[in-house]
Amino acid sequence: MTTTPEHNERIAKMTFTSVYPHYVTKVERKGRTKEELHQVIKWLTGFNDKKLQQLIDEKATFETFFQKASLNPNAHLITGVICGYRVEDIQNPLTQKVRYLDKLVDELAKGRKMEKILRIG
């Protein structure tokens, strides 16, 4: 699926800091924990808690956030629809990575087992 250049630019310039509290609220409202959220983010990006907090404090854009990430080699296994887009069909690499993260947070909030979310086995 093709996204517009304006859409991709808006996502690139959005700060992770502005979205992170919404991720926390979403998963906690569904009975999951901030620690589980961090486990999912760490799996996708390779960030530890200290690095994640540093990026939050720096108000890093998603562009910077994913430039500094070491994307999990199994990230391509993340499939499905998020925000009206099939994540596996998104052409813009940055937009796809942001939607990967959105999809993982969504799966966590929906109560999916951690080993399924982290594509283990």
N, C-alpha and C. Protein backbone atom coordinates (compact mmCIF):
# COMPACT_ATOMS: atom_id res chain seq x y z
N MET A 1 0.85 -1.18 0.00
CA MET A 1 0.00 0.00 0.00
C MET A 1 0.89 1.24 0.00
N THR A 2 0.50 2.20 -0.75
CA THR A 2 1.27 3.43 -0.87
C THR A 2 0.71 4.49 0.07
N THR A 3 1.61 5.14 0.79
CA THR A 3 1.22 6.27 1.63
C THR A 3 1.67 7.53 0.90
N THR A 4 1.07 8.65 1.25
CA THR A 4 1.45 9.90 0.58
C THR A 4 2.75 10.43 1.15
N PRO A 5 3.49 11.21 0.36
CA PRO A 5 4.72 11.83 0.88
C PRO A 5 4.44 12.69 2.12
N GLU A 6 3.30 13.36 2.15
CA GLU A 6 2.94 14.20 3.30
C GLU A 6 2.74 13.34 4.55
N HIS A 7 2.09 12.21 4.37
CA HIS A 7 1.87 11.28 5.48
C HIS A 7 3.20 10.77 6.01
N ASN A 8 4.09 10.37 5.12
CA ASN A 8 5.41 9.87 5.52
C ASN A 8 6.22 10.95 6.23
N GLU A 9 6.16 12.17 5.74
CA GLU A 9 6.89 13.29 6.35
C GLU A 9 6.36 13.58 7.75
N ARG A 10 5.03 13.54 7.89
CA ARG A 10 4.42 13.80 9.19
C ARG A 10 4.87 12.75 10.21
N ILE A 11 4.91 11.50 9.80
CA ILE A 11 5.35 10.42 10.70
C ILE A 11 6.83 10.61 11.05
N ALA A 12 7.65 10.95 10.08
CA ALA A 12 9.10 11.12 10.32
C ALA A 12 9.36 12.22 11.34
N LYS A 13 8.58 13.29 11.31
CA LYS A 13 8.82 14.44 12.18
C LYS A 13 8.10 14.33 13.52
N MET A 14 7.20 13.37 13.65
CA MET A 14 6.51 13.16 14.93
C MET A 14 7.53 12.65 15.95
N THR A 15 7.41 13.13 17.19
CA THR A 15 8.37 12.68 18.20
C THR A 15 7.85 11.41 18.87
N PHE A 16 8.79 10.53 19.17
CA PHE A 16 8.46 9.31 19.90
C PHE A 16 7.87 9.69 21.26
N THR A 17 8.41 10.76 21.85
CA THR A 17 7.96 11.25 23.15
C THR A 17 6.47 11.59 23.15
N SER A 18 5.97 12.10 22.03
CA SER A 18 4.56 12.48 21.97
C SER A 18 3.64 11.26 21.89
N VAL A 19 4.14 10.14 21.41
CA VAL A 19 3.32 8.94 21.23
C VAL A 19 3.48 7.95 22.39
N TYR A 20 4.66 7.92 22.97
CA TYR A 20 4.98 6.95 24.03
C TYR A 20 3.94 6.90 25.16
N PRO A 21 3.51 8.05 25.72
CA PRO A 21 2.51 7.99 26.80
C PRO A 21 1.21 7.30 26.35
N HIS A 22 0.87 7.44 25.09
CA HIS A 22 -0.34 6.80 24.56
C HIS A 22 -0.15 5.28 24.49
N TYR A 23 1.06 4.86 24.14
CA TYR A 23 1.38 3.42 24.15
C TYR A 23 1.21 2.87 25.57
N VAL A 24 1.79 3.57 26.55
CA VAL A 24 1.73 3.13 27.95
C VAL A 24 0.27 3.04 28.40
N THR A 25 -0.50 4.09 28.15
CA THR A 25 -1.91 4.12 28.54
C THR A 25 -2.68 2.97 27.89
N LYS A 26 -2.45 2.76 26.62
CA LYS A 26 -3.16 1.72 25.87
C LYS A 26 -2.91 0.33 26.47
N VAL A 27 -1.65 0.01 26.73
CA VAL A 27 -1.35 -1.34 27.24
C VAL A 27 -1.78 -1.50 28.70
N GLU A 28 -1.60 -0.46 29.52
CA GLU A 28 -1.98 -0.56 30.93
C GLU A 28 -3.50 -0.64 31.10
N ARG A 29 -4.23 0.06 30.24
CA ARG A 29 -5.69 0.02 30.29
C ARG A 29 -6.20 -1.40 30.02
N LYS A 30 -5.41 -2.16 29.27
CA LYS A 30 -5.79 -3.53 28.92
C LYS A 30 -5.13 -4.58 29.82
N GLY A 31 -4.54 -4.11 30.94
CA GLY A 31 -3.99 -5.04 31.92
C GLY A 31 -2.56 -5.50 31.66
N ARG A 32 -1.88 -4.87 30.72
CA ARG A 32 -0.47 -5.18 30.47
C ARG A 32 0.38 -4.14 31.18
N THR A 33 1.69 -4.35 31.22
CA THR A 33 2.56 -3.46 31.99
C THR A 33 3.50 -2.65 31.10
N LYS A 34 4.01 -1.58 31.71
CA LYS A 34 5.02 -0.76 31.04
C LYS A 34 6.27 -1.61 30.75
N GLU A 35 6.59 -2.53 31.65
CA GLU A 35 7.74 -3.41 31.45
C GLU A 35 7.55 -4.29 30.21
N GLU A 36 6.32 -4.78 30.02
CA GLU A 36 6.04 -5.58 28.82
C GLU A 36 6.15 -4.72 27.56
N LEU A 37 5.68 -3.49 27.66
CA LEU A 37 5.82 -2.55 26.54
C LEU A 37 7.28 -2.37 26.21
N HIS A 38 8.11 -2.16 27.22
CA HIS A 38 9.55 -1.97 27.00
C HIS A 38 10.18 -3.22 26.40
N GLN A 39 9.70 -4.39 26.80
CA GLN A 39 10.22 -5.64 26.24
C GLN A 39 9.93 -5.70 24.74
N VAL A 40 8.75 -5.30 24.34
CA VAL A 40 8.36 -5.28 22.93
C VAL A 40 9.20 -4.26 22.16
N ILE A 41 9.37 -3.06 22.72
CA ILE A 41 10.17 -2.02 22.06
C ILE A 41 11.62 -2.49 21.94
N LYS A 42 12.14 -3.10 23.00
CA LYS A 42 13.51 -3.61 22.97
C LYS A 42 13.68 -4.67 21.89
N TRP A 43 12.70 -5.57 21.77
CA TRP A 43 12.77 -6.61 20.74
C TRP A 43 12.86 -6.00 19.34
N LEU A 44 12.03 -4.99 19.09
CA LEU A 44 11.99 -4.39 17.76
C LEU A 44 13.23 -3.54 17.47
N THR A 45 13.68 -2.77 18.46
CA THR A 45 14.71 -1.74 18.21
C THR A 45 16.10 -2.07 18.72
N GLY A 46 16.18 -2.97 19.69
CA GLY A 46 17.47 -3.26 20.32
C GLY A 46 17.81 -2.29 21.44
N PHE A 47 16.94 -1.33 21.74
CA PHE A 47 17.21 -0.35 22.80
C PHE A 47 17.04 -0.98 24.18
N ASN A 48 17.94 -0.63 25.10
CA ASN A 48 17.72 -0.98 26.50
C ASN A 48 16.93 0.16 27.16
N ASP A 49 16.56 -0.02 28.42
CA ASP A 49 15.74 1.00 29.10
C ASP A 49 16.44 2.35 29.16
N LYS A 50 17.75 2.34 29.39
CA LYS A 50 18.51 3.59 29.48
C LYS A 50 18.48 4.35 28.14
N LYS A 51 18.71 3.65 27.04
CA LYS A 51 18.72 4.27 25.72
C LYS A 51 17.32 4.77 25.36
N LEU A 52 16.31 3.98 25.70
CA LEU A 52 14.93 4.38 25.43
C LEU A 52 14.60 5.67 26.18
N GLN A 53 14.97 5.74 27.45
CA GLN A 53 14.72 6.94 28.23
C GLN A 53 15.48 8.14 27.67
N GLN A 54 16.69 7.91 27.21
CA GLN A 54 17.50 8.99 26.62
C GLN A 54 16.79 9.55 25.38
N LEU A 55 16.25 8.69 24.54
CA LEU A 55 15.54 9.14 23.34
C LEU A 55 14.26 9.88 23.69
N ILE A 56 13.60 9.44 24.76
CA ILE A 56 12.40 10.13 25.23
C ILE A 56 12.79 11.52 25.73
N ASP A 57 13.85 11.60 26.53
CA ASP A 57 14.31 12.88 27.08
C ASP A 57 14.75 13.85 25.98
N GLU A 58 15.36 13.30 24.92
CA GLU A 58 15.83 14.13 23.81
C GLU A 58 14.71 14.56 22.87
N LYS A 59 13.50 14.01 23.12
CA LYS A 59 12.36 14.27 22.23
C LYS A 59 12.70 13.90 20.78
N ALA A 60 13.27 12.71 20.63
CA ALA A 60 13.69 12.22 19.32
C ALA A 60 12.49 12.03 18.40
N THR A 61 12.66 12.44 17.15
CA THR A 61 11.63 12.16 16.15
C THR A 61 11.66 10.67 15.84
N PHE A 62 10.60 10.18 15.21
CA PHE A 62 10.60 8.77 14.80
C PHE A 62 11.74 8.51 13.81
N GLU A 63 12.06 9.51 13.00
CA GLU A 63 13.17 9.37 12.06
C GLU A 63 14.48 9.08 12.81
N THR A 64 14.78 9.89 13.81
CA THR A 64 15.98 9.70 14.63
C THR A 64 15.90 8.41 15.43
N PHE A 65 14.74 8.14 16.01
CA PHE A 65 14.51 6.95 16.81
C PHE A 65 14.88 5.69 16.03
N PHE A 66 14.39 5.58 14.80
CA PHE A 66 14.66 4.38 14.03
C PHE A 66 16.02 4.40 13.35
N GLN A 67 16.62 5.59 13.16
CA GLN A 67 18.01 5.64 12.66
C GLN A 67 18.96 5.04 13.69
N LYS A 68 18.65 5.23 14.96
CA LYS A 68 19.51 4.73 16.04
C LYS A 68 19.19 3.29 16.43
N ALA A 69 18.10 2.76 15.91
CA ALA A 69 17.67 1.40 16.27
C ALA A 69 18.42 0.36 15.44
N SER A 70 18.52 -0.83 16.02
CA SER A 70 18.99 -2.00 15.30
C SER A 70 17.77 -2.89 15.13
N LEU A 71 17.09 -2.73 14.01
CA LEU A 71 15.82 -3.42 13.79
C LEU A 71 16.00 -4.94 13.89
N ASN A 72 15.11 -5.58 14.61
CA ASN A 72 15.15 -7.02 14.78
C ASN A 72 15.07 -7.70 13.40
N PRO A 73 15.93 -8.69 13.16
CA PRO A 73 15.91 -9.37 11.85
C PRO A 73 14.58 -10.07 11.56
N ASN A 74 13.77 -10.33 12.59
CA ASN A 74 12.46 -10.95 12.37
C ASN A 74 11.32 -9.94 12.26
N ALA A 75 11.64 -8.66 12.19
CA ALA A 75 10.60 -7.64 12.09
C ALA A 75 9.71 -7.85 10.86
N HIS A 76 10.28 -8.42 9.81
CA HIS A 76 9.49 -8.65 8.59
C HIS A 76 8.35 -9.65 8.82
N LEU A 77 8.39 -10.37 9.94
CA LEU A 77 7.32 -11.31 10.27
C LEU A 77 6.09 -10.61 10.84
N ILE A 78 6.21 -9.31 11.13
CA ILE A 78 5.07 -8.54 11.64
C ILE A 78 4.16 -8.24 10.45
N THR A 79 2.96 -8.76 10.52
CA THR A 79 2.01 -8.56 9.42
C THR A 79 0.66 -8.18 10.00
N GLY A 80 -0.21 -7.72 9.12
CA GLY A 80 -1.57 -7.38 9.53
C GLY A 80 -1.87 -5.93 9.27
N VAL A 81 -3.06 -5.53 9.67
CA VAL A 81 -3.55 -4.18 9.40
C VAL A 81 -3.42 -3.33 10.66
N ILE A 82 -2.88 -2.13 10.48
CA ILE A 82 -2.83 -1.15 11.56
C ILE A 82 -3.08 0.21 10.93
N CYS A 83 -3.96 0.98 11.53
CA CYS A 83 -4.31 2.31 11.02
C CYS A 83 -4.75 2.26 9.55
N GLY A 84 -5.40 1.18 9.16
CA GLY A 84 -5.91 1.06 7.80
C GLY A 84 -4.90 0.61 6.76
N TYR A 85 -3.69 0.31 7.17
CA TYR A 85 -2.65 -0.12 6.24
C TYR A 85 -2.18 -1.52 6.58
N ARG A 86 -1.91 -2.34 5.59
CA ARG A 86 -1.25 -3.63 5.81
C ARG A 86 0.23 -3.32 5.99
N VAL A 87 0.78 -3.62 7.16
CA VAL A 87 2.16 -3.22 7.46
C VAL A 87 3.15 -3.83 6.49
N GLU A 88 2.90 -5.04 6.03
CA GLU A 88 3.85 -5.68 5.12
C GLU A 88 3.85 -5.05 3.72
N ASP A 89 2.83 -4.25 3.41
CA ASP A 89 2.74 -3.63 2.09
C ASP A 89 3.17 -2.17 2.05
N ILE A 90 3.53 -1.59 3.19
CA ILE A 90 3.92 -0.18 3.24
C ILE A 90 5.27 -0.01 2.55
N GLN A 91 5.34 0.91 1.60
CA GLN A 91 6.53 1.09 0.78
C GLN A 91 7.63 1.91 1.46
N ASN A 92 7.24 2.94 2.22
CA ASN A 92 8.23 3.80 2.86
C ASN A 92 8.83 3.07 4.07
N PRO A 93 10.15 2.86 4.10
CA PRO A 93 10.77 2.07 5.18
C PRO A 93 10.53 2.64 6.58
N LEU A 94 10.62 3.95 6.74
CA LEU A 94 10.41 4.54 8.07
C LEU A 94 8.96 4.38 8.51
N THR A 95 8.04 4.69 7.64
CA THR A 95 6.62 4.54 7.96
C THR A 95 6.32 3.08 8.33
N GLN A 96 6.93 2.15 7.61
CA GLN A 96 6.71 0.74 7.91
C GLN A 96 7.23 0.39 9.31
N LYS A 97 8.39 0.91 9.69
CA LYS A 97 8.95 0.62 11.02
C LYS A 97 8.05 1.19 12.12
N VAL A 98 7.54 2.39 11.91
CA VAL A 98 6.64 3.00 12.90
C VAL A 98 5.37 2.15 13.02
N ARG A 99 4.86 1.69 11.91
CA ARG A 99 3.65 0.84 11.93
C ARG A 99 3.94 -0.53 12.53
N TYR A 100 5.17 -1.04 12.35
CA TYR A 100 5.56 -2.28 13.04
C TYR A 100 5.39 -2.07 14.55
N LEU A 101 5.92 -0.95 15.05
CA LEU A 101 5.83 -0.66 16.47
C LEU A 101 4.37 -0.53 16.90
N ASP A 102 3.58 0.19 16.12
CA ASP A 102 2.15 0.33 16.43
C ASP A 102 1.47 -1.04 16.50
N LYS A 103 1.81 -1.91 15.56
CA LYS A 103 1.20 -3.24 15.50
C LYS A 103 1.58 -4.06 16.73
N LEU A 104 2.84 -4.00 17.14
CA LEU A 104 3.28 -4.74 18.33
C LEU A 104 2.56 -4.24 19.59
N VAL A 105 2.44 -2.93 19.71
CA VAL A 105 1.73 -2.35 20.86
C VAL A 105 0.27 -2.79 20.85
N ASP A 106 -0.33 -2.81 19.68
CA ASP A 106 -1.71 -3.24 19.52
C ASP A 106 -1.88 -4.71 19.94
N GLU A 107 -0.95 -5.56 19.50
CA GLU A 107 -1.01 -6.97 19.87
C GLU A 107 -0.86 -7.15 21.39
N LEU A 108 0.03 -6.38 21.99
CA LEU A 108 0.23 -6.43 23.43
C LEU A 108 -1.07 -6.04 24.15
N ALA A 109 -1.68 -4.95 23.71
CA ALA A 109 -2.90 -4.46 24.34
C ALA A 109 -4.06 -5.45 24.16
N LYS A 110 -4.04 -6.19 23.08
CA LYS A 110 -5.12 -7.16 22.81
C LYS A 110 -4.92 -8.47 23.57
N GLY A 111 -3.84 -8.56 24.36
CA GLY A 111 -3.64 -9.73 25.20
C GLY A 111 -2.93 -10.89 24.52
N ARG A 112 -2.33 -10.64 23.39
CA ARG A 112 -1.61 -11.69 22.70
C ARG A 112 -0.43 -12.16 23.56
N LYS A 113 -0.11 -13.44 23.49
CA LYS A 113 1.00 -13.98 24.27
C LYS A 113 2.31 -13.37 23.79
N MET A 114 3.21 -13.11 24.75
CA MET A 114 4.47 -12.44 24.45
C MET A 114 5.29 -13.20 23.41
N GLU A 115 5.33 -14.54 23.48
CA GLU A 115 6.12 -15.29 22.51
C GLU A 115 5.57 -15.14 21.09
N LYS A 116 4.28 -14.90 20.96
CA LYS A 116 3.67 -14.65 19.63
C LYS A 116 4.04 -13.23 19.16
N ILE A 117 3.96 -12.27 20.08
CA ILE A 117 4.28 -10.88 19.73
C ILE A 117 5.73 -10.78 19.28
N LEU A 118 6.62 -11.49 19.99
CA LEU A 118 8.06 -11.42 19.69
C LEU A 118 8.48 -12.41 18.60
N ARG A 119 7.47 -13.02 17.98
CA ARG A 119 7.71 -13.94 16.84
C ARG A 119 8.73 -15.03 17.22
N ILE A 120 8.53 -15.64 18.38
CA ILE A 120 9.41 -16.73 18.85
C ILE A 120 8.75 -18.05 18.45
N GLY A 121 9.52 -18.84 17.73
CA GLY A 121 9.04 -20.18 17.39
C GLY A 121 8.00 -20.28 16.37
